[in-house]
Amino acid sequence: MCTIKEINDAVSRLSPGDLSEFRAWFDQFDALVWDAQFERDAASGRLDALANEALDDLREGRCTPL
């Protein structure tokens, strides 16, 4: 399976049970990929400006409690 079309076709042929299992696996896989990207971004400093902006908002009282 090499192309998105082949993957789409294969997923569309899954039984309801297999689709449920695939969905659970993919949710976990996607979360791990997202976490890894977040960690790389944080380590590289790409999120520093956002973090500083949020801290400034907190210090200046521009935040509201949830």
PDB file of N, CA and C in Angstrom:
ATOM      1  N   MET A   1       0.853  -1.178   0.000  1.00  0.00           N
ATOM      2  CA  MET A   1       0.000   0.000   0.000  1.00  0.00           C
ATOM      3  C   MET A   1       0.895   1.235   0.000  1.00  0.00           C
ATOM      4  N   CYS A   2       0.843   1.977  -1.086  1.00  0.00           N
ATOM      5  CA  CYS A   2       1.777   3.081  -1.238  1.00  0.00           C
ATOM      6  C   CYS A   2       1.108   4.437  -1.392  1.00  0.00           C
ATOM      7  N   THR A   3      -0.111   4.454  -1.871  1.00  0.00           N
ATOM      8  CA  THR A   3      -0.718   5.743  -2.163  1.00  0.00           C
ATOM      9  C   THR A   3      -1.910   6.001  -1.252  1.00  0.00           C
ATOM     10  N   ILE A   4      -2.265   7.257  -1.161  1.00  0.00           N
ATOM     11  CA  ILE A   4      -3.436   7.633  -0.373  1.00  0.00           C
ATOM     12  C   ILE A   4      -4.683   6.956  -0.928  1.00  0.00           C
ATOM     13  N   LYS A   5      -4.800   6.888  -2.248  1.00  0.00           N
ATOM     14  CA  LYS A   5      -5.962   6.239  -2.857  1.00  0.00           C
ATOM     15  C   LYS A   5      -6.046   4.781  -2.440  1.00  0.00           C
ATOM     16  N   GLU A   6      -4.912   4.072  -2.452  1.00  0.00           N
ATOM     17  CA  GLU A   6      -4.913   2.669  -2.025  1.00  0.00           C
ATOM     18  C   GLU A   6      -5.316   2.539  -0.556  1.00  0.00           C
ATOM     19  N   ILE A   7      -4.835   3.446   0.269  1.00  0.00           N
ATOM     20  CA  ILE A   7      -5.204   3.421   1.689  1.00  0.00           C
ATOM     21  C   ILE A   7      -6.695   3.709   1.843  1.00  0.00           C
ATOM     22  N   ASN A   8      -7.182   4.730   1.137  1.00  0.00           N
ATOM     23  CA  ASN A   8      -8.615   5.049   1.188  1.00  0.00           C
ATOM     24  C   ASN A   8      -9.461   3.852   0.773  1.00  0.00           C
ATOM     25  N   ASP A   9      -9.071   3.201  -0.311  1.00  0.00           N
ATOM     26  CA  ASP A   9      -9.821   2.038  -0.795  1.00  0.00           C
ATOM     27  C   ASP A   9      -9.817   0.918   0.236  1.00  0.00           C
ATOM     28  N   ALA A  10      -8.651   0.657   0.832  1.00  0.00           N
ATOM     29  CA  ALA A  10      -8.546  -0.410   1.824  1.00  0.00           C
ATOM     30  C   ALA A  10      -9.394  -0.095   3.057  1.00  0.00           C
ATOM     31  N   VAL A  11      -9.344   1.138   3.522  1.00  0.00           N
ATOM     32  CA  VAL A  11     -10.127   1.520   4.698  1.00  0.00           C
ATOM     33  C   VAL A  11     -11.617   1.422   4.402  1.00  0.00           C
ATOM     34  N   SER A  12     -12.015   1.797   3.206  1.00  0.00           N
ATOM     35  CA  SER A  12     -13.441   1.755   2.872  1.00  0.00           C
ATOM     36  C   SER A  12     -13.967   0.323   2.800  1.00  0.00           C
ATOM     37  N   ARG A  13     -13.091  -0.660   2.667  1.00  0.00           N
ATOM     38  CA  ARG A  13     -13.515  -2.062   2.610  1.00  0.00           C
ATOM     39  C   ARG A  13     -13.483  -2.756   3.968  1.00  0.00           C
ATOM     40  N   LEU A  14     -13.049  -2.068   5.005  1.00  0.00           N
ATOM     41  CA  LEU A  14     -12.976  -2.693   6.328  1.00  0.00           C
ATOM     42  C   LEU A  14     -14.367  -3.004   6.866  1.00  0.00           C
ATOM     43  N   SER A  15     -14.452  -4.091   7.613  1.00  0.00           N
ATOM     44  CA  SER A  15     -15.706  -4.416   8.309  1.00  0.00           C
ATOM     45  C   SER A  15     -15.909  -3.390   9.422  1.00  0.00           C
ATOM     46  N   PRO A  16     -17.119  -3.258   9.936  1.00  0.00           N
ATOM     47  CA  PRO A  16     -17.336  -2.301  11.030  1.00  0.00           C
ATOM     48  C   PRO A  16     -16.416  -2.538  12.228  1.00  0.00           C
ATOM     49  N   GLY A  17     -16.183  -3.788  12.570  1.00  0.00           N
ATOM     50  CA  GLY A  17     -15.297  -4.087  13.699  1.00  0.00           C
ATOM     51  C   GLY A  17     -13.856  -3.698  13.407  1.00  0.00           C
ATOM     52  N   ASP A  18     -13.391  -4.039  12.206  1.00  0.00           N
ATOM     53  CA  ASP A  18     -12.025  -3.677  11.829  1.00  0.00           C
ATOM     54  C   ASP A  18     -11.867  -2.163  11.705  1.00  0.00           C
ATOM     55  N   LEU A  19     -12.907  -1.503  11.205  1.00  0.00           N
ATOM     56  CA  LEU A  19     -12.855  -0.046  11.109  1.00  0.00           C
ATOM     57  C   LEU A  19     -12.745   0.580  12.493  1.00  0.00           C
ATOM     58  N   SER A  20     -13.484   0.045  13.435  1.00  0.00           N
ATOM     59  CA  SER A  20     -13.408   0.545  14.816  1.00  0.00           C
ATOM     60  C   SER A  20     -12.005   0.343  15.390  1.00  0.00           C
ATOM     61  N   GLU A  21     -11.434  -0.835  15.142  1.00  0.00           N
ATOM     62  CA  GLU A  21     -10.075  -1.119  15.619  1.00  0.00           C
ATOM     63  C   GLU A  21      -9.062  -0.201  14.945  1.00  0.00           C
ATOM     64  N   PHE A  22      -9.213  -0.004  13.629  1.00  0.00           N
ATOM     65  CA  PHE A  22      -8.317   0.890  12.899  1.00  0.00           C
ATOM     66  C   PHE A  22      -8.435   2.311  13.427  1.00  0.00           C
ATOM     67  N   ARG A  23      -9.662   2.768  13.665  1.00  0.00           N
ATOM     68  CA  ARG A  23      -9.877   4.127  14.162  1.00  0.00           C
ATOM     69  C   ARG A  23      -9.189   4.319  15.508  1.00  0.00           C
ATOM     70  N   ALA A  24      -9.310   3.354  16.392  1.00  0.00           N
ATOM     71  CA  ALA A  24      -8.665   3.451  17.711  1.00  0.00           C
ATOM     72  C   ALA A  24      -7.146   3.489  17.555  1.00  0.00           C
ATOM     73  N   TRP A  25      -6.626   2.619  16.671  1.00  0.00           N
ATOM     74  CA  TRP A  25      -5.177   2.618  16.437  1.00  0.00           C
ATOM     75  C   TRP A  25      -4.725   3.955  15.866  1.00  0.00           C
ATOM     76  N   PHE A  26      -5.469   4.465  14.875  1.00  0.00           N
ATOM     77  CA  PHE A  26      -5.052   5.702  14.228  1.00  0.00           C
ATOM     78  C   PHE A  26      -5.128   6.880  15.195  1.00  0.00           C
ATOM     79  N   ASP A  27      -6.148   6.916  16.045  1.00  0.00           N
ATOM     80  CA  ASP A  27      -6.229   7.998  17.039  1.00  0.00           C
ATOM     81  C   ASP A  27      -4.992   8.008  17.925  1.00  0.00           C
ATOM     82  N   GLN A  28      -4.572   6.828  18.366  1.00  0.00           N
ATOM     83  CA  GLN A  28      -3.377   6.743  19.211  1.00  0.00           C
ATOM     84  C   GLN A  28      -2.129   7.129  18.414  1.00  0.00           C
ATOM     85  N   PHE A  29      -1.996   6.625  17.209  1.00  0.00           N
ATOM     86  CA  PHE A  29      -0.864   6.947  16.346  1.00  0.00           C
ATOM     87  C   PHE A  29      -0.783   8.447  16.096  1.00  0.00           C
ATOM     88  N   ASP A  30      -1.920   9.060  15.750  1.00  0.00           N
ATOM     89  CA  ASP A  30      -1.956  10.487  15.458  1.00  0.00           C
ATOM     90  C   ASP A  30      -1.575  11.308  16.688  1.00  0.00           C
ATOM     91  N   ALA A  31      -2.033  10.891  17.859  1.00  0.00           N
ATOM     92  CA  ALA A  31      -1.681  11.598  19.092  1.00  0.00           C
ATOM     93  C   ALA A  31      -0.177  11.527  19.347  1.00  0.00           C
ATOM     94  N   LEU A  32       0.423  10.369  19.106  1.00  0.00           N
ATOM     95  CA  LEU A  32       1.868  10.227  19.307  1.00  0.00           C
ATOM     96  C   LEU A  32       2.656  11.101  18.331  1.00  0.00           C
ATOM     97  N   VAL A  33       2.208  11.154  17.073  1.00  0.00           N
ATOM     98  CA  VAL A  33       2.868  11.993  16.077  1.00  0.00           C
ATOM     99  C   VAL A  33       2.757  13.463  16.481  1.00  0.00           C
ATOM    100  N   TRP A  34       1.560  13.883  16.913  1.00  0.00           N
ATOM    101  CA  TRP A  34       1.347  15.265  17.330  1.00  0.00           C
ATOM    102  C   TRP A  34       2.207  15.599  18.544  1.00  0.00           C
ATOM    103  N   ASP A  35       2.247  14.691  19.523  1.00  0.00           N
ATOM    104  CA  ASP A  35       3.071  14.918  20.715  1.00  0.00           C
ATOM    105  C   ASP A  35       4.546  15.083  20.345  1.00  0.00           C
ATOM    106  N   ALA A  36       5.022  14.238  19.436  1.00  0.00           N
ATOM    107  CA  ALA A  36       6.426  14.322  19.024  1.00  0.00           C
ATOM    108  C   ALA A  36       6.703  15.662  18.341  1.00  0.00           C
ATOM    109  N   GLN A  37       5.794  16.108  17.487  1.00  0.00           N
ATOM    110  CA  GLN A  37       5.975  17.404  16.817  1.00  0.00           C
ATOM    111  C   GLN A  37       5.968  18.537  17.841  1.00  0.00           C
ATOM    112  N   PHE A  38       5.060  18.474  18.811  1.00  0.00           N
ATOM    113  CA  PHE A  38       4.983  19.487  19.854  1.00  0.00           C
ATOM    114  C   PHE A  38       6.296  19.535  20.637  1.00  0.00           C
ATOM    115  N   GLU A  39       6.822  18.365  20.987  1.00  0.00           N
ATOM    116  CA  GLU A  39       8.089  18.303  21.730  1.00  0.00           C
ATOM    117  C   GLU A  39       9.233  18.914  20.914  1.00  0.00           C
ATOM    118  N   ARG A  40       9.283  18.606  19.608  1.00  0.00           N
ATOM    119  CA  ARG A  40      10.336  19.193  18.763  1.00  0.00           C
ATOM    120  C   ARG A  40      10.183  20.712  18.694  1.00  0.00           C
ATOM    121  N   ASP A  41       8.953  21.176  18.531  1.00  0.00           N
ATOM    122  CA  ASP A  41       8.716  22.616  18.457  1.00  0.00           C
ATOM    123  C   ASP A  41       9.102  23.303  19.769  1.00  0.00           C
ATOM    124  N   ALA A  42       8.745  22.684  20.885  1.00  0.00           N
ATOM    125  CA  ALA A  42       9.084  23.271  22.186  1.00  0.00           C
ATOM    126  C   ALA A  42      10.596  23.295  22.388  1.00  0.00           C
ATOM    127  N   ALA A  43      11.260  22.210  22.059  1.00  0.00           N
ATOM    128  CA  ALA A  43      12.712  22.126  22.250  1.00  0.00           C
ATOM    129  C   ALA A  43      13.457  23.114  21.356  1.00  0.00           C
ATOM    130  N   SER A  44      12.904  23.396  20.194  1.00  0.00           N
ATOM    131  CA  SER A  44      13.583  24.297  19.256  1.00  0.00           C
ATOM    132  C   SER A  44      13.288  25.767  19.533  1.00  0.00           C
ATOM    133  N   GLY A  45      12.365  26.036  20.466  1.00  0.00           N
ATOM    134  CA  GLY A  45      12.033  27.417  20.791  1.00  0.00           C
ATOM    135  C   GLY A  45      10.913  28.001  19.938  1.00  0.00           C
ATOM    136  N   ARG A  46      10.336  27.189  19.059  1.00  0.00           N
ATOM    137  CA  ARG A  46       9.290  27.706  18.169  1.00  0.00           C
ATOM    138  C   ARG A  46       8.040  28.154  18.925  1.00  0.00           C
ATOM    139  N   LEU A  47       7.870  27.698  20.167  1.00  0.00           N
ATOM    140  CA  LEU A  47       6.685  28.058  20.941  1.00  0.00           C
ATOM    141  C   LEU A  47       6.950  29.146  21.969  1.00  0.00           C
ATOM    142  N   ASP A  48       8.196  29.603  22.057  1.00  0.00           N
ATOM    143  CA  ASP A  48       8.569  30.576  23.081  1.00  0.00           C
ATOM    144  C   ASP A  48       7.750  31.860  22.991  1.00  0.00           C
ATOM    145  N   ALA A  49       7.563  32.379  21.799  1.00  0.00           N
ATOM    146  CA  ALA A  49       6.819  33.636  21.649  1.00  0.00           C
ATOM    147  C   ALA A  49       5.379  33.468  22.128  1.00  0.00           C
ATOM    148  N   LEU A  50       4.764  32.333  21.805  1.00  0.00           N
ATOM    149  CA  LEU A  50       3.393  32.091  22.263  1.00  0.00           C
ATOM    150  C   LEU A  50       3.329  31.962  23.783  1.00  0.00           C
ATOM    151  N   ALA A  51       4.295  31.255  24.348  1.00  0.00           N
ATOM    152  CA  ALA A  51       4.326  31.095  25.800  1.00  0.00           C
ATOM    153  C   ALA A  51       4.530  32.444  26.483  1.00  0.00           C
ATOM    154  N   ASN A  52       5.433  33.252  25.951  1.00  0.00           N
ATOM    155  CA  ASN A  52       5.679  34.571  26.543  1.00  0.00           C
ATOM    156  C   ASN A  52       4.447  35.468  26.433  1.00  0.00           C
ATOM    157  N   GLU A  53       3.757  35.390  25.315  1.00  0.00           N
ATOM    158  CA  GLU A  53       2.530  36.172  25.150  1.00  0.00           C
ATOM    159  C   GLU A  53       1.466  35.747  26.168  1.00  0.00           C
ATOM    160  N   ALA A  54       1.332  34.453  26.377  1.00  0.00           N
ATOM    161  CA  ALA A  54       0.359  33.957  27.352  1.00  0.00           C
ATOM    162  C   ALA A  54       0.734  34.391  28.768  1.00  0.00           C
ATOM    163  N   LEU A  55       2.017  34.323  29.096  1.00  0.00           N
ATOM    164  CA  LEU A  55       2.455  34.763  30.425  1.00  0.00           C
ATOM    165  C   LEU A  55       2.247  36.261  30.613  1.00  0.00           C
ATOM    166  N   ASP A  56       2.514  37.045  29.583  1.00  0.00           N
ATOM    167  CA  ASP A  56       2.246  38.483  29.656  1.00  0.00           C
ATOM    168  C   ASP A  56       0.765  38.752  29.883  1.00  0.00           C
ATOM    169  N   ASP A  57      -0.091  38.041  29.171  1.00  0.00           N
ATOM    170  CA  ASP A  57      -1.538  38.200  29.352  1.00  0.00           C
ATOM    171  C   ASP A  57      -1.947  37.859  30.781  1.00  0.00           C
ATOM    172  N   LEU A  58      -1.373  36.811  31.331  1.00  0.00           N
ATOM    173  CA  LEU A  58      -1.676  36.425  32.701  1.00  0.00           C
ATOM    174  C   LEU A  58      -1.222  37.507  33.676  1.00  0.00           C
ATOM    175  N   ARG A  59       0.010  37.982  33.521  1.00  0.00           N
ATOM    176  CA  ARG A  59       0.543  39.013  34.422  1.00  0.00           C
ATOM    177  C   ARG A  59      -0.267  40.309  34.330  1.00  0.00           C
ATOM    178  N   GLU A  60      -0.743  40.631  33.153  1.00  0.00           N
ATOM    179  CA  GLU A  60      -1.507  41.883  32.940  1.00  0.00           C
ATOM    180  C   GLU A  60      -2.992  41.739  33.241  1.00  0.00           C
ATOM    181  N   GLY A  61      -3.403  40.566  33.697  1.00  0.00           N
ATOM    182  CA  GLY A  61      -4.799  40.375  34.071  1.00  0.00           C
ATOM    183  C   GLY A  61      -5.741  40.217  32.887  1.00  0.00           C
ATOM    184  N   ARG A  62      -5.228  39.819  31.745  1.00  0.00           N
ATOM    185  CA  ARG A  62      -6.075  39.660  30.571  1.00  0.00           C
ATOM    186  C   ARG A  62      -6.585  38.235  30.416  1.00  0.00           C
ATOM    187  N   CYS A  63      -6.502  37.439  31.465  1.00  0.00           N
ATOM    188  CA  CYS A  63      -6.988  36.056  31.430  1.00  0.00           C
ATOM    189  C   CYS A  63      -8.222  35.932  32.317  1.00  0.00           C
ATOM    190  N   THR A  64      -9.097  35.064  31.942  1.00  0.00           N
ATOM    191  CA  THR A  64     -10.286  34.813  32.768  1.00  0.00           C
ATOM    192  C   THR A  64     -10.259  33.364  33.215  1.00  0.00           C
ATOM    193  N   PRO A  65     -10.769  33.105  34.422  1.00  0.00           N
ATOM    194  CA  PRO A  65     -10.794  31.715  34.915  1.00  0.00           C
ATOM    195  C   PRO A  65     -11.769  30.887  34.089  1.00  0.00           C
ATOM    196  N   LEU A  66     -11.472  29.598  33.990  1.00  0.00           N
ATOM    197  CA  LEU A  66     -12.372  28.695  33.262  1.00  0.00           C
ATOM    198  C   LEU A  66     -13.612  28.392  34.043  1.00  0.00           C
TER     199      LEU A  66
END
